[in-house]
């Protein structure tokens, strides 16, 4: 029978280490953060760090995996159903509620690893006659990424609804024509 107390302590240590790293990452670049700083910020011993991570790159990789899962879970139903609701309002609300998470997401370059697995092919057929979809997907990804980064830089100064209207406005002329 697993020792639940030790398991909780291990999870708490991992969370403390990850949170310490994320906090340090808000003011420093990855290559300027040391394991010693992380341990001090997390209030753990170096041995605790090394019991859970090989090195700082292992910490980053495990944090990235967790963050990508967290992000993908937001649209879990749509991904499993191979549907796209184009519900960016849900995403924008999630970002506003989890600013530090998303600032970290971009600092670690996760937007380059996240894939658009489900693309609204019905809308693409209407807008682009299903031609050159890989270019349209990349154009959209770059645009939405730039808008989100700008919004985070401005400390989410617009409401999620206002930001959604900005994005919708970019496509309004195209959508009105169909």
C-alpha atoms as a PDB file:
ATOM      1  CA  UNK A   1       0.000   0.000   0.000  1.00  0.00           C
ATOM      2  CA  UNK A   2       1.540   3.321  -1.080  1.00  0.00           C
ATOM      3  CA  UNK A   3       2.349   5.830   1.613  1.00  0.00           C
ATOM      4  CA  UNK A   4      -0.133   8.649   0.952  1.00  0.00           C
ATOM      5  CA  UNK A   5       1.603  11.083   3.298  1.00  0.00           C
ATOM      6  CA  UNK A   6       4.929  10.716   1.443  1.00  0.00           C
ATOM      7  CA  UNK A   7       3.119  10.919  -1.896  1.00  0.00           C
ATOM      8  CA  UNK A   8       1.442  14.206  -0.877  1.00  0.00           C
ATOM      9  CA  UNK A   9       4.761  15.559   0.378  1.00  0.00           C
ATOM     10  CA  UNK A  10       6.430  14.645  -2.922  1.00  0.00           C
ATOM     11  CA  UNK A  11       3.655  16.353  -4.907  1.00  0.00           C
ATOM     12  CA  UNK A  12       3.890  19.409  -2.674  1.00  0.00           C
ATOM     13  CA  UNK A  13       7.679  19.557  -3.176  1.00  0.00           C
ATOM     14  CA  UNK A  14       7.279  19.279  -6.954  1.00  0.00           C
ATOM     15  CA  UNK A  15       4.624  22.022  -6.939  1.00  0.00           C
ATOM     16  CA  UNK A  16       6.824  24.261  -4.789  1.00  0.00           C
ATOM     17  CA  UNK A  17       9.782  23.753  -7.125  1.00  0.00           C
ATOM     18  CA  UNK A  18       7.702  24.376 -10.258  1.00  0.00           C
ATOM     19  CA  UNK A  19       6.046  27.455  -8.725  1.00  0.00           C
ATOM     20  CA  UNK A  20       9.420  28.817  -7.628  1.00  0.00           C
ATOM     21  CA  UNK A  21      10.782  28.355 -11.138  1.00  0.00           C
ATOM     22  CA  UNK A  22       7.725  30.033 -12.684  1.00  0.00           C
ATOM     23  CA  UNK A  23       8.040  32.974 -10.273  1.00  0.00           C
ATOM     24  CA  UNK A  24      11.744  33.401 -11.040  1.00  0.00           C
ATOM     25  CA  UNK A  25      11.028  33.123 -14.753  1.00  0.00           C
ATOM     26  CA  UNK A  26       8.810  36.204 -14.617  1.00  0.00           C
ATOM     27  CA  UNK A  27      11.877  38.413 -13.992  1.00  0.00           C
ATOM     28  CA  UNK A  28      14.744  36.374 -15.455  1.00  0.00           C
ATOM     29  CA  UNK A  29      15.541  34.378 -18.541  1.00  0.00           C
ATOM     30  CA  UNK A  30      15.871  30.619 -18.188  1.00  0.00           C
ATOM     31  CA  UNK A  31      19.657  30.675 -18.556  1.00  0.00           C
ATOM     32  CA  UNK A  32      19.966  33.130 -15.636  1.00  0.00           C
ATOM     33  CA  UNK A  33      18.104  30.913 -13.140  1.00  0.00           C
ATOM     34  CA  UNK A  34      20.098  28.512 -10.995  1.00  0.00           C
ATOM     35  CA  UNK A  35      18.984  25.406  -9.136  1.00  0.00           C
ATOM     36  CA  UNK A  36      20.171  27.074  -5.930  1.00  0.00           C
ATOM     37  CA  UNK A  37      17.791  29.994  -6.553  1.00  0.00           C
ATOM     38  CA  UNK A  38      14.926  27.631  -7.291  1.00  0.00           C
ATOM     39  CA  UNK A  39      15.575  25.682  -4.084  1.00  0.00           C
ATOM     40  CA  UNK A  40      15.771  28.865  -2.016  1.00  0.00           C
ATOM     41  CA  UNK A  41      12.547  30.208  -3.527  1.00  0.00           C
ATOM     42  CA  UNK A  42      10.809  26.829  -3.066  1.00  0.00           C
ATOM     43  CA  UNK A  43      12.219  26.389   0.439  1.00  0.00           C
ATOM     44  CA  UNK A  44      13.505  22.902  -0.384  1.00  0.00           C
ATOM     45  CA  UNK A  45      16.928  21.242  -0.252  1.00  0.00           C
ATOM     46  CA  UNK A  46      18.932  20.565  -3.380  1.00  0.00           C
ATOM     47  CA  UNK A  47      18.516  16.863  -2.644  1.00  0.00           C
ATOM     48  CA  UNK A  48      14.728  17.328  -2.911  1.00  0.00           C
ATOM     49  CA  UNK A  49      15.201  19.020  -6.270  1.00  0.00           C
ATOM     50  CA  UNK A  50      17.415  16.175  -7.540  1.00  0.00           C
ATOM     51  CA  UNK A  51      15.054  13.536  -6.166  1.00  0.00           C
ATOM     52  CA  UNK A  52      12.420  14.897  -8.582  1.00  0.00           C
ATOM     53  CA  UNK A  53      14.377  16.344 -11.511  1.00  0.00           C
ATOM     54  CA  UNK A  54      17.605  15.431 -13.266  1.00  0.00           C
ATOM     55  CA  UNK A  55      18.489  19.069 -13.889  1.00  0.00           C
ATOM     56  CA  UNK A  56      16.857  22.374 -14.783  1.00  0.00           C
ATOM     57  CA  UNK A  57      16.148  21.155 -18.326  1.00  0.00           C
ATOM     58  CA  UNK A  58      14.241  18.177 -16.937  1.00  0.00           C
ATOM     59  CA  UNK A  59      12.244  20.581 -14.760  1.00  0.00           C
ATOM     60  CA  UNK A  60      11.452  22.679 -17.841  1.00  0.00           C
ATOM     61  CA  UNK A  61      10.443  19.629 -19.884  1.00  0.00           C
ATOM     62  CA  UNK A  62       8.139  18.275 -17.174  1.00  0.00           C
ATOM     63  CA  UNK A  63       6.637  21.717 -16.602  1.00  0.00           C
ATOM     64  CA  UNK A  64       6.082  22.120 -20.351  1.00  0.00           C
ATOM     65  CA  UNK A  65       4.358  18.732 -20.542  1.00  0.00           C
ATOM     66  CA  UNK A  66       2.073  19.642 -17.647  1.00  0.00           C
ATOM     67  CA  UNK A  67       1.284  23.052 -19.129  1.00  0.00           C
ATOM     68  CA  UNK A  68       0.498  21.592 -22.568  1.00  0.00           C
ATOM     69  CA  UNK A  69      -1.804  19.027 -20.962  1.00  0.00           C
ATOM     70  CA  UNK A  70      -3.462  21.788 -18.953  1.00  0.00           C
ATOM     71  CA  UNK A  71      -3.966  23.848 -22.117  1.00  0.00           C
ATOM     72  CA  UNK A  72      -5.214  20.871 -24.180  1.00  0.00           C
ATOM     73  CA  UNK A  73      -7.673  19.904 -21.436  1.00  0.00           C
ATOM     74  CA  UNK A  74      -9.396  23.238 -21.998  1.00  0.00           C
ATOM     75  CA  UNK A  75     -10.667  21.934 -25.349  1.00  0.00           C
ATOM     76  CA  UNK A  76     -10.651  18.236 -24.482  1.00  0.00           C
ATOM     77  CA  UNK A  77     -14.203  17.579 -25.664  1.00  0.00           C
ATOM     78  CA  UNK A  78     -13.722  19.388 -28.956  1.00  0.00           C
ATOM     79  CA  UNK A  79     -10.461  17.579 -29.644  1.00  0.00           C
ATOM     80  CA  UNK A  80     -11.967  14.166 -28.944  1.00  0.00           C
ATOM     81  CA  UNK A  81     -15.044  14.953 -31.048  1.00  0.00           C
ATOM     82  CA  UNK A  82     -12.862  16.460 -33.828  1.00  0.00           C
ATOM     83  CA  UNK A  83     -14.965  19.614 -33.636  1.00  0.00           C
ATOM     84  CA  UNK A  84     -14.011  23.254 -33.493  1.00  0.00           C
ATOM     85  CA  UNK A  85     -16.404  25.603 -31.747  1.00  0.00           C
ATOM     86  CA  UNK A  86     -14.192  28.635 -32.422  1.00  0.00           C
ATOM     87  CA  UNK A  87     -14.875  29.472 -28.770  1.00  0.00           C
ATOM     88  CA  UNK A  88     -12.013  31.851 -28.139  1.00  0.00           C
ATOM     89  CA  UNK A  89     -13.963  33.480 -25.352  1.00  0.00           C
ATOM     90  CA  UNK A  90     -13.387  30.327 -23.260  1.00  0.00           C
ATOM     91  CA  UNK A  91      -9.654  30.572 -23.989  1.00  0.00           C
ATOM     92  CA  UNK A  92      -9.492  34.307 -23.241  1.00  0.00           C
ATOM     93  CA  UNK A  93     -11.279  33.853 -19.914  1.00  0.00           C
ATOM     94  CA  UNK A  94      -8.891  31.058 -19.028  1.00  0.00           C
ATOM     95  CA  UNK A  95      -5.890  33.211 -19.905  1.00  0.00           C
ATOM     96  CA  UNK A  96      -7.134  36.120 -17.803  1.00  0.00           C
ATOM     97  CA  UNK A  97      -7.666  33.787 -14.825  1.00  0.00           C
ATOM     98  CA  UNK A  98      -4.197  32.211 -15.296  1.00  0.00           C
ATOM     99  CA  UNK A  99      -1.977  35.085 -16.482  1.00  0.00           C
ATOM    100  CA  UNK A 100       1.244  33.783 -14.929  1.00  0.00           C
ATOM    101  CA  UNK A 101       0.690  30.360 -16.464  1.00  0.00           C
ATOM    102  CA  UNK A 102       0.339  31.849 -19.936  1.00  0.00           C
ATOM    103  CA  UNK A 103       3.215  34.296 -19.521  1.00  0.00           C
ATOM    104  CA  UNK A 104       5.321  31.272 -18.650  1.00  0.00           C
ATOM    105  CA  UNK A 105       3.810  29.356 -21.572  1.00  0.00           C
ATOM    106  CA  UNK A 106       5.162  31.985 -23.958  1.00  0.00           C
ATOM    107  CA  UNK A 107       8.497  32.448 -22.154  1.00  0.00           C
ATOM    108  CA  UNK A 108       9.138  28.731 -22.599  1.00  0.00           C
ATOM    109  CA  UNK A 109       8.124  28.878 -26.279  1.00  0.00           C
ATOM    110  CA  UNK A 110       5.251  26.434 -25.904  1.00  0.00           C
ATOM    111  CA  UNK A 111       3.210  28.157 -28.577  1.00  0.00           C
ATOM    112  CA  UNK A 112       5.690  26.603 -31.007  1.00  0.00           C
ATOM    113  CA  UNK A 113       4.951  23.123 -29.652  1.00  0.00           C
ATOM    114  CA  UNK A 114       1.157  23.394 -29.450  1.00  0.00           C
ATOM    115  CA  UNK A 115      -0.612  22.162 -32.529  1.00  0.00           C
ATOM    116  CA  UNK A 116      -3.902  23.196 -34.013  1.00  0.00           C
ATOM    117  CA  UNK A 117      -5.264  19.673 -34.270  1.00  0.00           C
ATOM    118  CA  UNK A 118      -8.823  20.594 -35.136  1.00  0.00           C
ATOM    119  CA  UNK A 119      -9.450  23.177 -37.825  1.00  0.00           C
ATOM    120  CA  UNK A 120     -12.902  24.298 -38.905  1.00  0.00           C
ATOM    121  CA  UNK A 121     -12.849  22.801 -42.391  1.00  0.00           C
ATOM    122  CA  UNK A 122     -16.467  23.854 -43.076  1.00  0.00           C
ATOM    123  CA  UNK A 123     -15.511  27.468 -42.455  1.00  0.00           C
ATOM    124  CA  UNK A 124     -12.272  27.000 -44.400  1.00  0.00           C
ATOM    125  CA  UNK A 125     -14.279  25.687 -47.349  1.00  0.00           C
ATOM    126  CA  UNK A 126     -16.458  28.794 -47.295  1.00  0.00           C
ATOM    127  CA  UNK A 127     -13.626  31.265 -46.759  1.00  0.00           C
ATOM    128  CA  UNK A 128     -10.745  29.719 -48.679  1.00  0.00           C
ATOM    129  CA  UNK A 129     -12.252  26.954 -50.794  1.00  0.00           C
ATOM    130  CA  UNK A 130     -10.090  24.572 -48.687  1.00  0.00           C
ATOM    131  CA  UNK A 131      -6.971  25.731 -50.515  1.00  0.00           C
ATOM    132  CA  UNK A 132      -3.622  26.234 -48.815  1.00  0.00           C
ATOM    133  CA  UNK A 133      -5.029  25.409 -45.375  1.00  0.00           C
ATOM    134  CA  UNK A 134      -1.591  24.900 -43.854  1.00  0.00           C
ATOM    135  CA  UNK A 135      -0.797  28.546 -44.691  1.00  0.00           C
ATOM    136  CA  UNK A 136      -4.116  29.787 -43.291  1.00  0.00           C
ATOM    137  CA  UNK A 137      -3.585  27.783 -40.101  1.00  0.00           C
ATOM    138  CA  UNK A 138      -0.099  29.249 -39.636  1.00  0.00           C
ATOM    139  CA  UNK A 139      -1.329  32.756 -40.397  1.00  0.00           C
ATOM    140  CA  UNK A 140      -4.116  32.392 -37.854  1.00  0.00           C
ATOM    141  CA  UNK A 141      -1.794  30.890 -35.214  1.00  0.00           C
ATOM    142  CA  UNK A 142       0.682  33.747 -35.597  1.00  0.00           C
ATOM    143  CA  UNK A 143      -2.093  36.342 -35.386  1.00  0.00           C
ATOM    144  CA  UNK A 144      -3.839  34.897 -32.352  1.00  0.00           C
ATOM    145  CA  UNK A 145      -0.483  34.362 -30.621  1.00  0.00           C
ATOM    146  CA  UNK A 146       0.516  37.995 -31.224  1.00  0.00           C
ATOM    147  CA  UNK A 147      -2.810  39.280 -29.899  1.00  0.00           C
ATOM    148  CA  UNK A 148      -2.613  37.119 -26.763  1.00  0.00           C
ATOM    149  CA  UNK A 149       1.009  38.115 -26.091  1.00  0.00           C
ATOM    150  CA  UNK A 150       0.095  41.797 -26.477  1.00  0.00           C
ATOM    151  CA  UNK A 151      -2.876  41.356 -24.150  1.00  0.00           C
ATOM    152  CA  UNK A 152      -0.694  39.655 -21.518  1.00  0.00           C
ATOM    153  CA  UNK A 153       1.944  42.388 -21.861  1.00  0.00           C
ATOM    154  CA  UNK A 154      -0.839  44.897 -21.153  1.00  0.00           C
ATOM    155  CA  UNK A 155      -1.852  42.843 -18.090  1.00  0.00           C
ATOM    156  CA  UNK A 156      -5.115  41.783 -19.771  1.00  0.00           C
ATOM    157  CA  UNK A 157      -6.355  45.374 -19.927  1.00  0.00           C
ATOM    158  CA  UNK A 158      -9.327  44.384 -22.107  1.00  0.00           C
ATOM    159  CA  UNK A 159     -12.046  42.058 -20.913  1.00  0.00           C
ATOM    160  CA  UNK A 160     -12.112  38.614 -22.551  1.00  0.00           C
ATOM    161  CA  UNK A 161     -15.274  39.727 -24.383  1.00  0.00           C
ATOM    162  CA  UNK A 162     -13.537  42.836 -25.751  1.00  0.00           C
ATOM    163  CA  UNK A 163     -10.573  40.789 -26.944  1.00  0.00           C
ATOM    164  CA  UNK A 164     -12.926  38.286 -28.562  1.00  0.00           C
ATOM    165  CA  UNK A 165     -14.548  41.189 -30.441  1.00  0.00           C
ATOM    166  CA  UNK A 166     -11.105  42.333 -31.633  1.00  0.00           C
ATOM    167  CA  UNK A 167     -10.420  38.871 -33.069  1.00  0.00           C
ATOM    168  CA  UNK A 168     -13.902  38.575 -34.525  1.00  0.00           C
ATOM    169  CA  UNK A 169     -13.498  42.022 -36.095  1.00  0.00           C
ATOM    170  CA  UNK A 170     -10.412  40.834 -37.966  1.00  0.00           C
ATOM    171  CA  UNK A 171     -12.546  38.232 -39.731  1.00  0.00           C
ATOM    172  CA  UNK A 172     -15.825  40.136 -39.897  1.00  0.00           C
ATOM    173  CA  UNK A 173     -15.541  41.346 -43.492  1.00  0.00           C
ATOM    174  CA  UNK A 174     -14.602  37.847 -44.606  1.00  0.00           C
ATOM    175  CA  UNK A 175     -17.441  36.262 -42.584  1.00  0.00           C
ATOM    176  CA  UNK A 176     -20.017  38.828 -43.783  1.00  0.00           C
ATOM    177  CA  UNK A 177     -19.295  37.852 -47.373  1.00  0.00           C
ATOM    178  CA  UNK A 178     -20.379  34.222 -46.939  1.00  0.00           C
END
